[in-house]
N, C-alpha and C. Protein backbone atom coordinates (compact mmCIF):
# COMPACT_ATOMS: atom_id res chain seq x y z
N MET A 1 0.84 -1.19 0.00
CA MET A 1 0.00 0.00 0.00
C MET A 1 0.88 1.25 0.00
N VAL A 2 0.53 2.20 -0.80
CA VAL A 2 1.24 3.47 -0.87
C VAL A 2 0.76 4.32 0.29
N ARG A 3 1.66 4.78 1.14
CA ARG A 3 1.26 5.41 2.40
C ARG A 3 1.12 6.93 2.35
N THR A 4 2.01 7.62 1.67
CA THR A 4 1.99 9.07 1.74
C THR A 4 1.24 9.68 0.56
N GLY A 5 0.83 10.93 0.73
CA GLY A 5 0.14 11.63 -0.35
C GLY A 5 0.97 11.73 -1.61
N TYR A 6 2.26 12.09 -1.44
CA TYR A 6 3.13 12.19 -2.61
C TYR A 6 3.38 10.83 -3.24
N GLY A 7 3.46 9.80 -2.41
CA GLY A 7 3.63 8.44 -2.92
C GLY A 7 2.43 8.01 -3.73
N ARG A 8 1.24 8.33 -3.25
CA ARG A 8 0.01 8.00 -4.00
C ARG A 8 -0.03 8.77 -5.30
N PHE A 9 0.31 10.05 -5.22
CA PHE A 9 0.35 10.91 -6.40
C PHE A 9 1.24 10.30 -7.47
N ALA A 10 2.45 9.91 -7.07
CA ALA A 10 3.40 9.32 -8.02
C ALA A 10 2.92 7.96 -8.52
N ALA A 11 2.37 7.14 -7.63
CA ALA A 11 1.90 5.82 -8.03
C ALA A 11 0.76 5.92 -9.04
N VAL A 12 -0.16 6.84 -8.81
CA VAL A 12 -1.28 7.02 -9.74
C VAL A 12 -0.76 7.53 -11.09
N ALA A 13 0.16 8.48 -11.08
CA ALA A 13 0.73 8.99 -12.33
C ALA A 13 1.46 7.88 -13.09
N GLU A 14 2.24 7.07 -12.38
CA GLU A 14 2.95 5.97 -13.03
C GLU A 14 1.99 4.94 -13.60
N ARG A 15 0.93 4.64 -12.86
CA ARG A 15 -0.04 3.66 -13.36
C ARG A 15 -0.76 4.18 -14.59
N LEU A 16 -1.11 5.46 -14.61
CA LEU A 16 -1.73 6.04 -15.80
C LEU A 16 -0.76 5.98 -16.98
N ALA A 17 0.51 6.22 -16.72
CA ALA A 17 1.52 6.17 -17.79
C ALA A 17 1.63 4.76 -18.36
N ARG A 18 1.58 3.75 -17.51
CA ARG A 18 1.68 2.36 -17.98
C ARG A 18 0.45 1.92 -18.76
N SER A 19 -0.66 2.62 -18.58
CA SER A 19 -1.89 2.21 -19.28
C SER A 19 -1.88 2.63 -20.74
N GLY A 20 -0.89 3.45 -21.12
CA GLY A 20 -0.82 3.88 -22.52
C GLY A 20 -2.02 4.72 -22.89
N LEU A 21 -2.68 4.34 -23.96
CA LEU A 21 -3.83 5.10 -24.43
C LEU A 21 -5.14 4.69 -23.76
N ARG A 22 -5.10 3.64 -22.94
CA ARG A 22 -6.33 3.18 -22.29
C ARG A 22 -6.57 3.97 -21.01
N PRO A 23 -7.64 4.77 -20.98
CA PRO A 23 -7.94 5.53 -19.76
C PRO A 23 -8.40 4.59 -18.64
N LEU A 24 -8.21 5.03 -17.40
CA LEU A 24 -8.55 4.23 -16.23
C LEU A 24 -9.52 4.97 -15.33
N GLY A 25 -10.30 4.21 -14.59
CA GLY A 25 -11.20 4.79 -13.61
C GLY A 25 -10.58 4.77 -12.22
N ALA A 26 -11.13 5.58 -11.34
CA ALA A 26 -10.61 5.66 -9.97
C ALA A 26 -10.74 4.32 -9.25
N SER A 27 -11.80 3.59 -9.49
CA SER A 27 -11.98 2.29 -8.82
C SER A 27 -10.89 1.31 -9.23
N GLU A 28 -10.59 1.27 -10.52
CA GLU A 28 -9.53 0.38 -11.00
C GLU A 28 -8.17 0.77 -10.42
N LEU A 29 -7.89 2.07 -10.41
CA LEU A 29 -6.64 2.55 -9.83
C LEU A 29 -6.54 2.17 -8.35
N ALA A 30 -7.62 2.39 -7.63
CA ALA A 30 -7.63 2.07 -6.19
C ALA A 30 -7.37 0.59 -5.96
N ARG A 31 -8.04 -0.24 -6.71
CA ARG A 31 -7.89 -1.69 -6.56
C ARG A 31 -6.44 -2.12 -6.87
N GLU A 32 -5.89 -1.63 -7.99
CA GLU A 32 -4.56 -2.03 -8.41
C GLU A 32 -3.45 -1.50 -7.49
N LEU A 33 -3.67 -0.32 -6.92
CA LEU A 33 -2.65 0.30 -6.07
C LEU A 33 -2.86 0.06 -4.58
N ASP A 34 -3.93 -0.66 -4.26
CA ASP A 34 -4.26 -0.96 -2.86
C ASP A 34 -4.41 0.32 -2.04
N ILE A 35 -5.19 1.24 -2.58
CA ILE A 35 -5.55 2.48 -1.88
C ILE A 35 -7.06 2.59 -1.92
N THR A 36 -7.61 3.51 -1.15
CA THR A 36 -9.05 3.69 -1.18
C THR A 36 -9.45 4.44 -2.45
N LYS A 37 -10.72 4.31 -2.80
CA LYS A 37 -11.23 5.03 -3.97
C LYS A 37 -11.10 6.54 -3.74
N GLN A 38 -11.34 7.00 -2.52
CA GLN A 38 -11.20 8.42 -2.20
C GLN A 38 -9.76 8.89 -2.40
N GLN A 39 -8.80 8.07 -1.97
CA GLN A 39 -7.40 8.42 -2.17
C GLN A 39 -7.06 8.49 -3.66
N ALA A 40 -7.61 7.58 -4.44
CA ALA A 40 -7.39 7.61 -5.89
C ALA A 40 -7.97 8.89 -6.49
N PHE A 41 -9.20 9.23 -6.10
CA PHE A 41 -9.82 10.47 -6.59
C PHE A 41 -9.00 11.70 -6.18
N ASP A 42 -8.55 11.72 -4.94
CA ASP A 42 -7.74 12.87 -4.47
C ASP A 42 -6.48 13.01 -5.31
N ALA A 43 -5.80 11.90 -5.57
CA ALA A 43 -4.58 11.95 -6.38
C ALA A 43 -4.89 12.39 -7.81
N LEU A 44 -5.99 11.88 -8.37
CA LEU A 44 -6.37 12.27 -9.73
C LEU A 44 -6.71 13.75 -9.81
N ARG A 45 -7.44 14.26 -8.83
CA ARG A 45 -7.77 15.69 -8.82
C ARG A 45 -6.51 16.53 -8.68
N HIS A 46 -5.57 16.06 -7.87
CA HIS A 46 -4.31 16.80 -7.72
C HIS A 46 -3.52 16.79 -9.03
N LEU A 47 -3.45 15.63 -9.68
CA LEU A 47 -2.79 15.54 -10.98
C LEU A 47 -3.45 16.48 -11.99
N LYS A 48 -4.77 16.54 -11.94
CA LYS A 48 -5.49 17.45 -12.85
C LYS A 48 -5.18 18.91 -12.52
N SER A 49 -5.08 19.25 -11.24
CA SER A 49 -4.85 20.64 -10.84
C SER A 49 -3.48 21.16 -11.29
N VAL A 50 -2.51 20.26 -11.47
CA VAL A 50 -1.19 20.67 -11.95
C VAL A 50 -1.01 20.41 -13.45
N GLY A 51 -2.10 19.98 -14.09
CA GLY A 51 -2.07 19.79 -15.54
C GLY A 51 -1.48 18.48 -16.01
N TRP A 52 -1.39 17.48 -15.13
CA TRP A 52 -0.77 16.21 -15.50
C TRP A 52 -1.77 15.14 -15.89
N ALA A 53 -3.04 15.32 -15.58
CA ALA A 53 -4.06 14.33 -15.93
C ALA A 53 -5.31 15.05 -16.38
N GLU A 54 -6.13 14.31 -17.12
CA GLU A 54 -7.41 14.88 -17.55
C GLU A 54 -8.48 13.82 -17.42
N GLN A 55 -9.69 14.30 -17.10
CA GLN A 55 -10.82 13.41 -16.97
C GLN A 55 -11.61 13.44 -18.26
N LEU A 56 -11.91 12.27 -18.79
CA LEU A 56 -12.64 12.15 -20.04
C LEU A 56 -14.12 12.01 -19.76
N ASP A 57 -14.93 12.16 -20.82
CA ASP A 57 -16.36 11.88 -20.68
C ASP A 57 -16.51 10.45 -20.19
N GLY A 58 -17.39 10.24 -19.26
CA GLY A 58 -17.57 8.92 -18.69
C GLY A 58 -16.79 8.70 -17.41
N GLY A 59 -15.99 9.70 -17.02
CA GLY A 59 -15.31 9.63 -15.73
C GLY A 59 -13.96 8.94 -15.72
N LEU A 60 -13.48 8.47 -16.86
CA LEU A 60 -12.17 7.83 -16.89
C LEU A 60 -11.08 8.88 -17.00
N TRP A 61 -9.87 8.47 -16.64
CA TRP A 61 -8.74 9.40 -16.56
C TRP A 61 -7.58 8.92 -17.40
N ARG A 62 -6.78 9.88 -17.88
CA ARG A 62 -5.53 9.58 -18.58
C ARG A 62 -4.55 10.72 -18.32
N LEU A 63 -3.29 10.46 -18.64
CA LEU A 63 -2.30 11.53 -18.54
C LEU A 63 -2.61 12.59 -19.58
N SER A 64 -2.28 13.82 -19.27
CA SER A 64 -2.58 14.92 -20.17
C SER A 64 -1.47 15.09 -21.21
N PRO A 65 -1.78 15.74 -22.32
CA PRO A 65 -0.75 16.06 -23.30
C PRO A 65 0.37 16.92 -22.69
N HIS A 66 0.04 17.73 -21.69
CA HIS A 66 1.05 18.57 -21.02
C HIS A 66 2.14 17.71 -20.40
N LEU A 67 1.76 16.64 -19.73
CA LEU A 67 2.76 15.77 -19.11
C LEU A 67 3.57 15.05 -20.17
N THR A 68 2.95 14.70 -21.27
CA THR A 68 3.69 14.08 -22.38
C THR A 68 4.76 15.03 -22.89
N MET A 69 4.43 16.32 -23.00
CA MET A 69 5.39 17.32 -23.45
C MET A 69 6.56 17.42 -22.45
N ILE A 70 6.24 17.42 -21.17
CA ILE A 70 7.29 17.47 -20.14
C ILE A 70 8.19 16.24 -20.26
N SER A 71 7.60 15.10 -20.48
CA SER A 71 8.36 13.86 -20.62
C SER A 71 9.31 13.92 -21.81
N ARG A 72 8.84 14.42 -22.92
CA ARG A 72 9.69 14.54 -24.11
C ARG A 72 10.82 15.54 -23.88
N SER A 73 10.53 16.62 -23.19
CA SER A 73 11.58 17.59 -22.86
C SER A 73 12.64 16.95 -21.98
N PHE A 74 12.20 16.14 -21.04
CA PHE A 74 13.12 15.44 -20.16
C PHE A 74 14.00 14.47 -20.94
N GLU A 75 13.40 13.74 -21.90
CA GLU A 75 14.17 12.83 -22.74
C GLU A 75 15.25 13.58 -23.52
N ARG A 76 14.88 14.75 -24.08
CA ARG A 76 15.86 15.54 -24.83
C ARG A 76 16.99 16.02 -23.91
N ALA A 77 16.65 16.42 -22.69
CA ALA A 77 17.67 16.88 -21.75
C ALA A 77 18.64 15.75 -21.40
N ILE A 78 18.13 14.55 -21.22
CA ILE A 78 18.99 13.41 -20.94
C ILE A 78 19.90 13.13 -22.13
N ALA A 79 19.36 13.17 -23.34
CA ALA A 79 20.17 12.93 -24.53
C ALA A 79 21.25 14.00 -24.69
N ASP A 80 20.88 15.25 -24.44
CA ASP A 80 21.87 16.33 -24.55
C ASP A 80 22.98 16.17 -23.51
N THR A 81 22.61 15.80 -22.29
CA THR A 81 23.60 15.59 -21.23
C THR A 81 24.51 14.43 -21.59
N HIS A 82 23.92 13.36 -22.09
CA HIS A 82 24.72 12.20 -22.51
C HIS A 82 25.73 12.61 -23.57
N GLU A 83 25.27 13.33 -24.57
CA GLU A 83 26.16 13.75 -25.65
C GLU A 83 27.26 14.69 -25.14
N LEU A 84 26.91 15.58 -24.24
CA LEU A 84 27.88 16.52 -23.69
C LEU A 84 29.01 15.81 -22.95
N TYR A 85 28.66 14.82 -22.14
CA TYR A 85 29.66 14.16 -21.31
C TYR A 85 30.24 12.88 -21.90
N LEU A 86 29.47 12.20 -22.74
CA LEU A 86 29.92 10.90 -23.24
C LEU A 86 30.07 10.85 -24.75
N GLY A 87 29.70 11.93 -25.43
CA GLY A 87 29.76 11.94 -26.88
C GLY A 87 28.44 11.48 -27.48
N PRO A 88 28.32 11.60 -28.80
CA PRO A 88 27.05 11.23 -29.44
C PRO A 88 26.80 9.73 -29.35
N PRO A 89 25.54 9.32 -29.39
CA PRO A 89 25.23 7.89 -29.42
C PRO A 89 25.90 7.23 -30.62
N ALA A 90 26.15 5.96 -30.55
CA ALA A 90 26.87 5.23 -31.61
C ALA A 90 26.23 5.44 -32.98
N ALA A 91 24.93 5.51 -33.05
CA ALA A 91 24.25 5.67 -34.34
C ALA A 91 24.55 7.02 -34.98
N LYS A 92 24.92 8.01 -34.17
CA LYS A 92 25.18 9.35 -34.69
C LYS A 92 26.65 9.57 -35.04
N ARG A 93 27.52 8.69 -34.56
CA ARG A 93 28.95 8.88 -34.80
C ARG A 93 29.25 8.70 -36.27
N CYS A 94 30.10 9.53 -36.77
CA CYS A 94 30.51 9.47 -38.16
C CYS A 94 31.62 8.43 -38.28
N VAL A 95 31.38 7.45 -39.13
CA VAL A 95 32.38 6.42 -39.34
C VAL A 95 33.09 6.75 -40.65
N ARG A 96 34.39 6.91 -40.59
CA ARG A 96 35.16 7.26 -41.77
C ARG A 96 35.75 6.00 -42.38
N GLY A 97 35.74 5.97 -43.67
CA GLY A 97 36.37 4.86 -44.39
C GLY A 97 37.83 5.18 -44.59
N PRO A 98 38.52 4.32 -45.33
CA PRO A 98 39.94 4.56 -45.58
C PRO A 98 40.13 5.85 -46.34
N ASN A 99 41.25 6.49 -46.11
CA ASN A 99 41.59 7.75 -46.77
C ASN A 99 41.86 7.46 -48.25
N THR A 100 41.11 8.14 -49.12
CA THR A 100 41.28 7.90 -50.56
C THR A 100 41.97 9.06 -51.24
N ASP A 101 42.48 10.01 -50.44
CA ASP A 101 43.21 11.14 -51.03
C ASP A 101 44.51 10.66 -51.64
N SER A 102 44.82 11.17 -52.81
CA SER A 102 46.10 10.85 -53.45
C SER A 102 47.13 11.88 -53.05
N ASP A 103 48.35 11.45 -52.86
CA ASP A 103 49.43 12.38 -52.52
C ASP A 103 50.07 12.91 -53.76
């Protein structure tokens, strides 16, 4: 069982992320995360208040496009940091063939 408010918040966000395009209801989240339905609703409302989740018609929930944008920005930052400290990924490295210049 997730004990703290922030832990529930993170667990609900992670579970929504794992669901992909399939929206989830508060009851399903509560059951899967071993929290009360009220705790699931509270976490969902909090996620919505910060722009990380949205409620669809019918009461189901999914991550918002805003959080997807944040995630992509984070991925780019990791790639940039990797390139800065470790060089470009192998697929981006320029492989040179033998020198064909004539002397």
